[in-house]
Amino acid sequence: MNKYFLYCRKSTDVEDKQVLSIEAQIAELRDFAEQNDLNVVKTFVEKQSAKIPGRPIFNEMLKRMEKGEANGILAWHPDRLARNSVDGGKIIYLLDCGSILSLKFPQFWFESTPQGKFMLNIAFGQSKYYVDSLAENTKRGLRQKVRRGEYPSLAPIGYINDVRFKSIVVDKRKAPIIREAFELYAKGNSRLEDISDFLAQNGILSRGGKKIHTTRTTHILANPFYCGLFRYAGELYEGKHEPIVAKKIFDQVQEVLTQKGRPRHKCKFEPQAYCGLIKCGICGMMITGEYRVKKQKNGNIHDYVYYHCTKKSKTIKCLGPYVRQEVLDKQISNLMQKFSLQPDWAEKLLAMAETEKNKSAQSVSAFVELNQNKIRALQIKLERLLDGYLEQDIEREAYREQKTKLLLEKKSLEEKSARIEQKQNDWLEPMKKWLKFASNLGKIARDDNLFDKKVAAKEIFGSNLRLAFGKVGGNPIFPYQAALRAAELVGKIPESRVLVPGVGIEPTT
């Protein structure tokens, strides 16, 4: 009497998919074995796709059959045994060798004859064709989804996959944090580690609950999905999802990533508060900080921080002296005091800005129309480019490269038009922010928080601060140049002329 191995398989080990498949197969096959008086010596259950060779339980079953533990297989259908040519050929070979004498299926007739083997081979071929066809249909569906602007994968951090409508929507809790991370890095003062720390502090962590690695942070900052585009199969597409980062900010982030792309070695000593802010006025190199401890004979210990030139210039021998942090701090505070704004002036300027906002309904139709014409021209170019690619006049790589350039340009123009149309008074919020900052400068200059002073000094002077022979100086950047000139005019001309030039308070275009 033949001995049979009962073999059941489902294509996934996820519990909520095909959850009844194994139980149903075992129940049906045992009823079939009882009805046909088949001797089942062992049951093998496998949860793995048969698309490619290498199923461990299936291979173990065949090895045990070659050893003579059984000489027949009972399965629901031939496609449970094999969906690839290697495993199907292995079963046919064992039938030829006599290691397998019988195959039983409730839904398929088989006898170990030339005709039976031929029909079994056809069944295995149909199973393989089904898998290949399914894969091709799936890829075609994904390509069509991409053409409609729908991202065919998991949503990145800041978005959620909406299973109800099969779309991607903004995560209202995480999206503002991601947007702020982009804006923070776009300023150029933050490292990737700082962005990872910022995300962790705001509750955005890896799946394992740990801080996001800098490599993953780079991937987030370089992902065009956040500005309304996405990449699929190496090609850039316009997405239907809502962008959470402005294209202008995204471009600034890419520029900073490019500038900071080279690997940097960690400093031996921890950077001091004013490091990275000031350059040497003699040789042009950066000023660095150094921490020193002085031990006196009586046992007293004093901590000091000195700032000096890095002296990395190969052409100029720098003789700039060391400067104590206390001295440098006092000089920077005095420089900042010149740009502080009196509270009553801030109130007057704010009131005037609100009045000016109501009057400044300038027409932007000509600019918007010009932009729309450019966008239409770009759309025509994209259509012509696609036609050239479909006609095989353009190589695939050249098509992808040109398409990426045109899509990025189109996205920038669309965003600029929307910004001009919807926010004609964009200057008001930055001005309010500047007035608030300028009115707080006096307090910042008087406080002992060196890092706040560094941020404020960077805002006022940019990279123009120089340290030469123990003294700090530098030219302010806009709008602080105008603020300094206004401060110098106080007492020389009427206050109304100081507060408002002849053309008005709003920025000229």
Protein backbone atom coordinates (compact mmCIF):
# COMPACT_ATOMS: atom_id res chain seq x y z
CA MET A 1 0.00 0.00 0.00
CA ASN A 2 1.30 3.48 -0.94
CA LYS A 3 2.30 5.89 1.81
CA TYR A 4 1.39 9.53 1.29
CA PHE A 5 2.72 12.86 2.50
CA LEU A 6 -0.03 15.45 2.82
CA TYR A 7 1.27 18.87 1.66
CA CYS A 8 -0.57 22.17 2.26
CA ARG A 9 0.70 25.63 1.31
CA LYS A 10 -0.44 29.21 1.33
CA SER A 11 1.42 32.10 -0.29
CA THR A 12 1.93 34.33 2.78
CA ASP A 13 2.70 34.07 6.49
CA VAL A 14 0.60 37.15 7.33
CA GLU A 15 -2.18 35.96 9.61
CA ASP A 16 -4.97 38.14 8.23
CA LYS A 17 -4.45 36.89 4.65
CA GLN A 18 -5.63 33.42 3.54
CA VAL A 19 -6.22 32.69 7.22
CA LEU A 20 -8.63 29.81 6.42
CA SER A 21 -6.64 28.39 3.52
CA ILE A 22 -4.49 25.90 5.46
CA GLU A 23 -7.31 24.65 7.70
CA ALA A 24 -9.63 24.26 4.69
CA GLN A 25 -6.98 22.36 2.70
CA ILE A 26 -6.19 19.96 5.57
CA ALA A 27 -9.88 19.24 6.23
CA GLU A 28 -10.69 18.64 2.56
CA LEU A 29 -7.59 16.48 1.96
CA ARG A 30 -8.18 14.30 5.02
CA ASP A 31 -11.78 13.70 3.93
CA PHE A 32 -10.47 12.83 0.44
CA ALA A 33 -7.86 10.43 1.94
CA GLU A 34 -10.53 8.72 4.05
CA GLN A 35 -12.91 8.35 1.11
CA ASN A 36 -10.17 6.85 -1.12
CA ASP A 37 -8.49 4.77 1.62
CA LEU A 38 -5.14 6.61 1.36
CA ASN A 39 -2.49 6.05 4.05
CA VAL A 40 -1.23 9.55 5.13
CA VAL A 41 1.95 9.19 7.23
CA LYS A 42 2.79 12.89 7.74
CA THR A 43 1.39 16.33 7.08
CA PHE A 44 3.60 19.20 5.84
CA VAL A 45 2.38 22.78 6.15
CA GLU A 46 4.23 25.67 4.46
CA LYS A 47 3.55 29.42 4.44
CA GLN A 48 5.65 30.64 1.56
CA SER A 49 5.19 31.59 -2.07
CA ALA A 50 6.07 28.98 -4.70
CA LYS A 51 6.99 31.63 -7.28
CA ILE A 52 10.72 30.98 -6.81
CA PRO A 53 12.61 27.81 -5.75
CA GLY A 54 13.95 27.33 -2.25
CA ARG A 55 11.00 26.41 -0.03
CA PRO A 56 12.59 24.60 2.97
CA ILE A 57 9.60 22.42 3.97
CA PHE A 58 8.89 21.41 0.37
CA ASN A 59 12.57 20.47 -0.17
CA GLU A 60 12.60 18.49 3.09
CA MET A 61 9.52 16.54 1.96
CA LEU A 62 11.16 15.61 -1.36
CA LYS A 63 14.38 14.50 0.40
CA ARG A 64 12.39 12.24 2.72
CA MET A 65 10.57 10.78 -0.27
CA GLU A 66 13.93 10.00 -1.90
CA LYS A 67 14.85 8.14 1.30
CA GLY A 68 11.71 5.99 0.93
CA GLU A 69 9.64 7.31 3.86
CA ALA A 70 6.71 7.76 1.47
CA ASN A 71 6.04 7.27 -2.23
CA GLY A 72 3.02 9.52 -2.84
CA ILE A 73 1.94 13.15 -2.34
CA LEU A 74 -1.57 14.36 -1.53
CA ALA A 75 -2.19 18.06 -2.28
CA TRP A 76 -5.17 20.28 -3.11
CA HIS A 77 -3.95 21.20 -6.63
CA PRO A 78 -0.68 21.04 -8.62
CA ASP A 79 -0.22 24.80 -8.10
CA ARG A 80 0.20 24.11 -4.35
CA LEU A 81 3.31 22.04 -5.21
CA ALA A 82 4.98 24.28 -7.77
CA ARG A 83 4.57 27.63 -9.51
CA ASN A 84 8.08 27.66 -10.96
CA SER A 85 9.84 25.47 -13.53
CA VAL A 86 12.55 24.20 -11.13
CA ASP A 87 10.22 22.70 -8.51
CA GLY A 88 7.85 21.40 -11.20
CA GLY A 89 10.75 19.75 -13.04
CA LYS A 90 11.98 18.21 -9.77
CA ILE A 91 8.61 16.47 -9.21
CA ILE A 92 8.54 15.20 -12.83
CA TYR A 93 12.11 13.90 -12.39
CA LEU A 94 11.22 12.03 -9.17
CA LEU A 95 8.26 10.48 -10.98
CA ASP A 96 10.65 9.29 -13.72
CA CYS A 97 13.07 7.88 -11.10
CA GLY A 98 10.32 6.06 -9.21
CA SER A 99 10.82 7.98 -5.94
CA ILE A 100 7.24 9.26 -6.41
CA LEU A 101 4.74 6.64 -7.51
CA SER A 102 1.50 8.53 -7.04
CA LEU A 103 0.16 12.09 -6.87
CA LYS A 104 -3.40 12.67 -5.64
CA PHE A 105 -5.45 15.88 -6.03
CA PRO A 106 -9.18 16.33 -5.30
CA GLN A 107 -9.49 18.76 -8.22
CA PHE A 108 -7.04 17.22 -10.72
CA TRP A 109 -6.70 13.71 -12.15
CA PHE A 110 -3.20 12.18 -12.45
CA GLU A 111 -1.66 8.80 -13.26
CA SER A 112 2.06 8.10 -13.54
CA THR A 113 1.94 7.50 -17.28
CA PRO A 114 3.46 9.48 -20.18
CA GLN A 115 0.09 11.14 -20.78
CA GLY A 116 -0.37 11.85 -17.06
CA LYS A 117 3.11 13.42 -16.78
CA PHE A 118 2.39 15.50 -19.88
CA MET A 119 -0.85 16.84 -18.35
CA LEU A 120 0.91 17.47 -15.02
CA ASN A 121 3.59 19.44 -16.86
CA ILE A 122 0.87 21.54 -18.50
CA ALA A 123 -0.71 22.18 -15.06
CA PHE A 124 2.67 23.35 -13.69
CA GLY A 125 3.12 25.55 -16.79
CA GLN A 126 -0.33 27.10 -16.27
CA SER A 127 0.55 27.82 -12.64
CA LYS A 128 3.76 29.56 -13.69
CA TYR A 129 1.91 31.49 -16.41
CA TYR A 130 -0.64 32.65 -13.81
CA VAL A 131 2.12 33.99 -11.52
CA ASP A 132 3.97 35.72 -14.37
CA SER A 133 0.77 37.21 -15.75
CA LEU A 134 -0.30 38.39 -12.28
CA ALA A 135 3.07 40.11 -11.77
CA GLU A 136 2.84 41.84 -15.15
CA ASN A 137 -0.74 42.96 -14.53
CA THR A 138 0.27 44.31 -11.12
CA LYS A 139 3.16 46.27 -12.65
CA ARG A 140 0.87 47.66 -15.34
CA GLY A 141 -1.62 48.75 -12.69
CA LEU A 142 1.14 50.45 -10.70
CA ARG A 143 2.37 52.28 -13.80
CA GLN A 144 -1.15 53.52 -14.52
CA LYS A 145 -1.54 54.63 -10.92
CA VAL A 146 1.72 56.57 -11.18
CA ARG A 147 0.54 58.30 -14.38
CA ARG A 148 -2.51 59.52 -12.46
CA GLY A 149 -0.19 61.07 -9.87
CA GLU A 150 -0.85 58.47 -7.16
CA TYR A 151 2.17 57.20 -5.23
CA PRO A 152 2.05 53.35 -5.32
CA SER A 153 3.86 52.66 -2.06
CA LEU A 154 3.93 53.40 1.66
CA ALA A 155 3.54 57.07 2.54
CA PRO A 156 6.66 58.74 3.98
CA ILE A 157 6.77 60.28 7.46
CA GLY A 158 4.33 63.18 7.62
CA TYR A 159 1.71 61.41 5.51
CA ILE A 160 -0.76 58.56 6.09
CA ASN A 161 -2.04 55.86 3.71
CA ASP A 162 -5.85 56.25 3.72
CA VAL A 163 -7.04 52.66 3.11
CA ARG A 164 -10.65 53.77 2.73
CA PHE A 165 -10.03 55.84 -0.42
CA LYS A 166 -6.67 54.26 -1.34
CA SER A 167 -4.97 57.64 -1.22
CA ILE A 168 -2.27 59.44 0.75
CA VAL A 169 -3.28 62.24 3.12
CA VAL A 170 -1.34 64.65 5.33
CA ASP A 171 -0.65 63.56 8.91
CA LYS A 172 -1.85 66.66 10.77
CA ARG A 173 0.32 65.91 13.80
CA LYS A 174 3.62 65.10 12.09
CA ALA A 175 3.42 67.30 8.98
CA PRO A 176 4.11 70.63 10.81
CA ILE A 177 7.15 69.04 12.49
CA ILE A 178 8.53 67.82 9.15
CA ARG A 179 7.92 71.27 7.63
CA GLU A 180 9.75 72.94 10.52
CA ALA A 181 12.65 70.48 10.14
CA PHE A 182 13.00 71.48 6.47
CA GLU A 183 12.89 75.19 7.35
CA LEU A 184 15.46 74.65 10.10
CA TYR A 185 17.90 72.85 7.83
CA ALA A 186 17.38 75.34 4.97
CA LYS A 187 18.96 78.08 7.10
CA GLY A 188 22.30 76.23 6.83
CA ASN A 189 23.15 76.40 10.54
CA SER A 190 22.02 72.87 11.49
CA ARG A 191 23.67 69.48 11.08
CA LEU A 192 21.87 66.28 10.18
CA GLU A 193 22.34 65.19 13.81
CA ASP A 194 20.52 68.37 14.91
CA ILE A 195 17.57 67.55 12.64
CA SER A 196 17.47 63.97 14.00
CA ASP A 197 17.45 65.36 17.55
CA PHE A 198 14.73 67.86 16.63
CA LEU A 199 12.52 65.09 15.18
CA ALA A 200 13.12 62.89 18.23
CA GLN A 201 12.25 65.72 20.64
CA ASN A 202 8.95 66.17 18.79
CA GLY A 203 8.05 62.48 18.90
CA ILE A 204 9.12 61.38 15.40
CA LEU A 205 11.18 58.21 15.87
CA SER A 206 12.11 55.10 13.92
CA ARG A 207 9.86 52.03 13.93
CA GLY A 208 11.99 50.62 16.73
CA GLY A 209 11.32 53.68 18.89
CA LYS A 210 14.85 55.05 18.48
CA LYS A 211 16.16 58.34 17.14
CA ILE A 212 16.16 58.47 13.33
CA HIS A 213 19.65 57.83 11.92
CA THR A 214 21.34 60.61 9.94
CA THR A 215 21.20 58.48 6.78
CA ARG A 216 17.42 58.27 7.11
CA THR A 217 17.31 62.01 7.89
CA THR A 218 19.15 62.70 4.62
CA HIS A 219 16.61 60.55 2.77
CA ILE A 220 13.73 62.57 4.30
CA LEU A 221 15.31 65.92 3.41
CA ALA A 222 16.06 64.79 -0.16
CA ASN A 223 12.62 63.25 -0.82
CA PRO A 224 10.72 65.34 -3.44
CA PHE A 225 7.45 63.82 -2.16
CA TYR A 226 7.24 66.61 0.43
CA CYS A 227 7.01 69.32 -2.26
CA GLY A 228 4.36 67.55 -4.36
CA LEU A 229 6.53 65.33 -6.60
CA PHE A 230 7.67 61.72 -6.28
CA ARG A 231 10.12 59.30 -7.87
CA TYR A 232 9.13 55.90 -9.20
CA ALA A 233 11.44 53.54 -11.10
CA GLY A 234 14.04 56.30 -11.39
CA GLU A 235 11.59 58.79 -12.94
CA LEU A 236 10.05 61.95 -11.48
CA TYR A 237 6.25 62.40 -11.49
CA GLU A 238 3.75 65.04 -10.36
CA GLY A 239 1.75 63.84 -7.37
CA LYS A 240 -1.89 64.45 -6.47
CA HIS A 241 -1.05 64.54 -2.76
CA GLU A 242 -0.91 67.81 -0.82
CA PRO A 243 2.67 69.16 -0.44
CA ILE A 244 3.73 70.09 3.09
CA VAL A 245 6.96 71.90 2.11
CA ALA A 246 7.22 74.81 -0.31
CA LYS A 247 9.27 74.12 -3.44
CA LYS A 248 11.50 77.11 -2.62
CA ILE A 249 12.34 75.68 0.83
CA PHE A 250 12.92 72.22 -0.68
CA ASP A 251 15.38 73.68 -3.22
CA GLN A 252 17.24 75.50 -0.44
CA VAL A 253 17.52 72.25 1.52
CA GLN A 254 18.96 70.45 -1.52
CA GLU A 255 21.52 73.21 -1.90
CA VAL A 256 22.56 72.89 1.75
CA LEU A 257 22.75 69.09 1.43
CA THR A 258 25.02 69.49 -1.59
CA GLN A 259 27.27 71.96 0.21
CA LYS A 260 27.55 69.75 3.28
CA GLY A 261 27.88 66.53 1.31
CA ARG A 262 31.50 65.90 2.16
CA PRO A 263 32.14 63.83 5.30
CA ARG A 264 33.49 65.81 8.24
CA HIS A 265 35.61 64.62 11.13
CA LYS A 266 34.47 65.33 14.66
CA CYS A 267 36.41 67.96 16.56
CA LYS A 268 38.59 66.84 19.42
CA PHE A 269 37.17 69.54 21.68
CA GLU A 270 33.53 70.49 22.04
CA PRO A 271 32.70 73.63 19.98
CA GLN A 272 32.22 76.80 21.98
CA ALA A 273 29.30 79.22 21.80
CA TYR A 274 30.68 81.65 19.18
CA CYS A 275 32.38 79.05 16.96
CA GLY A 276 31.33 79.29 13.32
CA LEU A 277 30.20 82.92 13.69
CA ILE A 278 33.35 85.03 13.24
CA LYS A 279 36.22 85.08 10.76
CA CYS A 280 39.72 86.36 11.30
CA GLY A 281 40.15 89.95 10.05
CA ILE A 282 43.82 89.31 9.24
CA CYS A 283 43.88 86.07 7.21
CA GLY A 284 40.18 85.34 6.62
CA MET A 285 40.15 81.95 8.39
CA MET A 286 37.48 80.98 10.94
CA ILE A 287 37.72 81.86 14.63
CA THR A 288 37.57 78.84 16.95
CA GLY A 289 37.12 78.43 20.71
CA GLU A 290 39.35 76.61 23.13
CA TYR A 291 38.56 75.42 26.65
CA ARG A 292 41.36 75.66 29.21
CA VAL A 293 41.66 74.85 32.91
CA LYS A 294 44.15 76.69 35.15
CA LYS A 295 45.17 75.16 38.48
CA GLN A 296 46.75 77.44 41.05
CA LYS A 297 49.23 76.41 43.74
CA ASN A 298 46.67 77.11 46.46
CA GLY A 299 44.36 74.50 44.89
CA ASN A 300 41.94 76.88 43.19
CA ILE A 301 40.78 75.85 39.71
CA HIS A 302 39.69 78.36 37.06
CA ASP A 303 37.98 77.58 33.77
CA TYR A 304 38.60 79.79 30.75
CA VAL A 305 37.41 79.90 27.14
CA TYR A 306 39.66 81.58 24.58
CA TYR A 307 38.90 82.43 20.96
CA HIS A 308 41.60 82.62 18.30
CA CYS A 309 42.21 82.16 14.58
CA THR A 310 42.50 78.58 13.30
CA LYS A 311 45.60 79.79 11.37
CA LYS A 312 44.95 77.45 8.46
CA SER A 313 45.96 79.92 5.78
CA LYS A 314 48.91 78.74 3.67
CA THR A 315 49.71 82.20 2.33
CA ILE A 316 49.32 84.50 5.34
CA LYS A 317 51.06 84.05 8.68
CA CYS A 318 48.40 85.13 11.16
CA LEU A 319 49.56 86.79 14.40
CA GLY A 320 46.11 87.50 15.78
CA PRO A 321 46.01 87.35 19.62
CA TYR A 322 43.83 85.15 21.82
CA VAL A 323 40.65 86.79 23.17
CA ARG A 324 38.84 85.77 26.34
CA GLN A 325 35.18 84.81 25.92
CA GLU A 326 34.09 87.51 28.39
CA VAL A 327 35.76 90.22 26.31
CA LEU A 328 34.35 88.90 23.04
CA ASP A 329 30.87 88.60 24.56
CA LYS A 330 30.92 92.23 25.71
CA GLN A 331 31.94 93.45 22.24
CA ILE A 332 29.22 91.43 20.49
CA SER A 333 26.60 92.68 22.97
CA ASN A 334 27.64 96.30 22.27
CA LEU A 335 27.33 95.71 18.52
CA MET A 336 23.85 94.24 18.92
CA GLN A 337 22.65 97.13 21.08
CA LYS A 338 22.96 99.45 18.07
CA PHE A 339 20.22 97.52 16.27
CA SER A 340 17.72 97.25 19.13
CA LEU A 341 14.40 98.98 18.47
CA GLN A 342 12.59 101.14 20.98
CA PRO A 343 9.20 99.68 21.99
CA ASP A 344 7.28 102.84 21.01
CA TRP A 345 8.93 102.83 17.58
CA ALA A 346 8.02 99.19 17.12
CA GLU A 347 4.36 99.94 17.92
CA LYS A 348 4.26 102.85 15.48
CA LEU A 349 5.86 100.83 12.69
CA LEU A 350 3.49 97.92 13.30
CA ALA A 351 0.44 100.21 13.11
CA MET A 352 1.76 101.78 9.91
CA ALA A 353 2.38 98.35 8.40
CA GLU A 354 -1.22 97.32 9.07
CA THR A 355 -2.47 100.53 7.41
CA GLU A 356 -0.17 100.02 4.44
CA LYS A 357 -1.40 96.43 4.04
CA ASN A 358 -4.96 97.63 3.52
CA LYS A 359 -3.83 100.08 0.84
CA SER A 360 -1.39 97.83 -1.04
CA ALA A 361 -3.78 95.97 -3.37
CA GLN A 362 -1.37 96.03 -6.27
CA SER A 363 -2.31 94.31 -9.45
CA VAL A 364 -0.40 91.12 -10.19
CA SER A 365 -2.44 89.91 -13.17
CA ALA A 366 0.31 90.66 -15.71
CA PHE A 367 2.88 88.70 -13.74
CA VAL A 368 0.50 85.77 -13.22
CA GLU A 369 -0.44 85.75 -16.92
CA LEU A 370 3.23 85.67 -17.89
CA ASN A 371 3.80 82.74 -15.55
CA GLN A 372 0.77 80.89 -16.90
CA ASN A 373 2.11 81.28 -20.45
CA LYS A 374 5.43 79.81 -19.33
CA ILE A 375 3.64 76.90 -17.64
CA ARG A 376 1.61 76.19 -20.78
CA ALA A 377 4.80 76.26 -22.85
CA LEU A 378 6.43 73.78 -20.46
CA GLN A 379 3.39 71.49 -20.65
CA ILE A 380 3.64 71.50 -24.45
CA LYS A 381 7.34 70.64 -24.18
CA LEU A 382 6.52 67.75 -21.84
CA GLU A 383 3.94 66.40 -24.27
CA ARG A 384 6.36 66.70 -27.20
CA LEU A 385 9.07 65.01 -25.12
CA LEU A 386 6.72 62.11 -24.34
CA ASP A 387 5.77 61.79 -28.03
CA GLY A 388 9.45 61.67 -28.97
CA TYR A 389 10.08 58.98 -26.38
CA LEU A 390 7.09 56.87 -27.50
CA GLU A 391 8.23 57.19 -31.12
CA GLN A 392 11.67 55.97 -29.95
CA ASP A 393 13.36 59.15 -31.18
CA ILE A 394 14.72 59.84 -27.68
CA GLU A 395 16.69 57.48 -25.45
CA ARG A 396 15.15 56.56 -22.07
CA GLU A 397 17.90 58.22 -19.97
CA ALA A 398 17.74 61.46 -21.98
CA TYR A 399 13.93 61.43 -21.67
CA ARG A 400 14.09 61.00 -17.89
CA GLU A 401 16.69 63.74 -17.48
CA GLN A 402 14.80 66.30 -19.59
CA LYS A 403 11.46 65.38 -18.00
CA THR A 404 12.89 65.93 -14.51
CA LYS A 405 14.20 69.40 -15.46
CA LEU A 406 10.91 70.47 -17.04
CA LEU A 407 8.78 69.15 -14.15
CA LEU A 408 10.93 70.95 -11.56
CA GLU A 409 10.73 74.21 -13.51
CA LYS A 410 6.97 73.83 -13.95
CA LYS A 411 6.48 73.13 -10.23
CA SER A 412 8.48 76.24 -9.28
CA LEU A 413 6.43 78.46 -11.62
CA GLU A 414 3.11 77.05 -10.38
CA GLU A 415 4.13 77.60 -6.78
CA LYS A 416 5.31 81.14 -7.52
CA SER A 417 2.02 82.01 -9.25
CA ALA A 418 -0.03 80.60 -6.37
CA ARG A 419 2.09 82.49 -3.87
CA ILE A 420 1.75 85.80 -5.72
CA GLU A 421 -2.00 85.40 -6.22
CA GLN A 422 -2.86 84.30 -2.71
CA LYS A 423 -0.31 86.24 -0.67
CA GLN A 424 0.12 89.69 -2.12
CA ASN A 425 1.09 91.00 1.31
CA ASP A 426 3.70 88.39 2.19
CA TRP A 427 5.99 91.12 3.43
CA LEU A 428 3.82 91.87 6.44
CA GLU A 429 4.52 88.73 8.51
CA PRO A 430 8.33 88.93 8.01
CA MET A 431 8.18 92.59 9.00
CA LYS A 432 6.22 91.78 12.15
CA LYS A 433 8.76 89.08 12.93
CA TRP A 434 11.61 91.56 12.36
CA LEU A 435 10.01 94.22 14.56
CA LYS A 436 9.56 91.67 17.35
CA PHE A 437 13.15 90.50 16.97
CA ALA A 438 14.55 94.06 16.91
CA SER A 439 12.55 95.11 19.99
CA ASN A 440 13.94 92.06 21.90
CA LEU A 441 17.55 92.67 20.88
CA GLY A 442 18.28 94.84 23.91
CA LYS A 443 17.18 92.07 26.29
CA ILE A 444 19.19 89.43 24.36
CA ALA A 445 22.30 91.63 24.47
CA ARG A 446 21.98 92.10 28.25
CA ASP A 447 21.35 88.40 29.05
CA ASP A 448 24.03 85.75 29.58
CA ASN A 449 22.71 83.25 27.02
CA LEU A 450 25.59 83.09 24.54
CA PHE A 451 23.82 80.81 22.07
CA ASP A 452 20.88 83.25 21.79
CA LYS A 453 23.39 86.02 21.13
CA LYS A 454 25.06 83.92 18.45
CA VAL A 455 21.72 83.37 16.68
CA ALA A 456 20.90 87.09 16.89
CA ALA A 457 24.36 88.14 15.66
CA LYS A 458 24.07 85.70 12.74
CA GLU A 459 20.70 87.24 11.89
CA ILE A 460 22.14 90.77 11.89
CA PHE A 461 25.60 90.29 10.36
CA GLY A 462 25.33 87.00 8.47
CA SER A 463 28.93 85.98 7.79
CA ASN A 464 30.33 89.52 7.93
CA LEU A 465 31.73 89.52 11.49
CA ARG A 466 35.53 89.82 11.71
CA LEU A 467 37.94 89.61 14.66
CA ALA A 468 41.19 91.56 14.20
CA PHE A 469 43.71 92.45 16.93
CA GLY A 470 41.25 91.65 19.68
CA LYS A 471 38.29 93.66 18.32
CA VAL A 472 35.09 92.50 16.60
CA GLY A 473 33.37 94.40 13.81
CA GLY A 474 31.40 93.91 10.62
CA ASN A 475 28.79 95.28 8.26
CA PRO A 476 25.15 94.35 8.92
CA ILE A 477 22.98 92.75 6.23
CA PHE A 478 19.57 93.95 4.99
CA PRO A 479 17.31 95.13 6.66
CA TYR A 480 19.67 95.96 9.52
CA GLN A 481 21.69 98.31 7.31
CA ALA A 482 18.60 100.50 7.02
CA ALA A 483 17.94 100.20 10.76
CA LEU A 484 21.49 101.38 11.52
CA ARG A 485 21.15 104.36 9.16
CA ALA A 486 17.82 105.25 10.77
CA ALA A 487 19.39 105.12 14.23
CA GLU A 488 22.15 107.47 13.07
CA LEU A 489 19.55 109.99 11.80
CA VAL A 490 17.68 110.24 15.11
CA GLY A 491 17.91 113.83 16.32
CA LYS A 492 19.12 115.14 12.97
CA ILE A 493 15.83 115.04 10.99
CA PRO A 494 12.14 114.79 12.02
CA GLU A 495 11.10 111.44 13.49
CA SER A 496 8.44 110.92 10.80
CA ARG A 497 11.16 111.07 8.12
CA VAL A 498 13.21 108.51 10.05
CA LEU A 499 10.32 106.10 10.44
CA VAL A 500 9.09 106.28 6.84
CA PRO A 501 11.01 107.19 3.67
CA GLY A 502 9.22 109.01 0.87
CA VAL A 503 8.05 105.90 -1.02
CA GLY A 504 6.22 104.19 1.86
CA ILE A 505 6.77 101.37 4.30
CA GLU A 506 6.11 98.39 2.02
CA PRO A 507 9.04 96.81 0.13
CA THR A 508 9.50 98.06 -3.42
CA THR A 509 9.29 95.50 -6.25
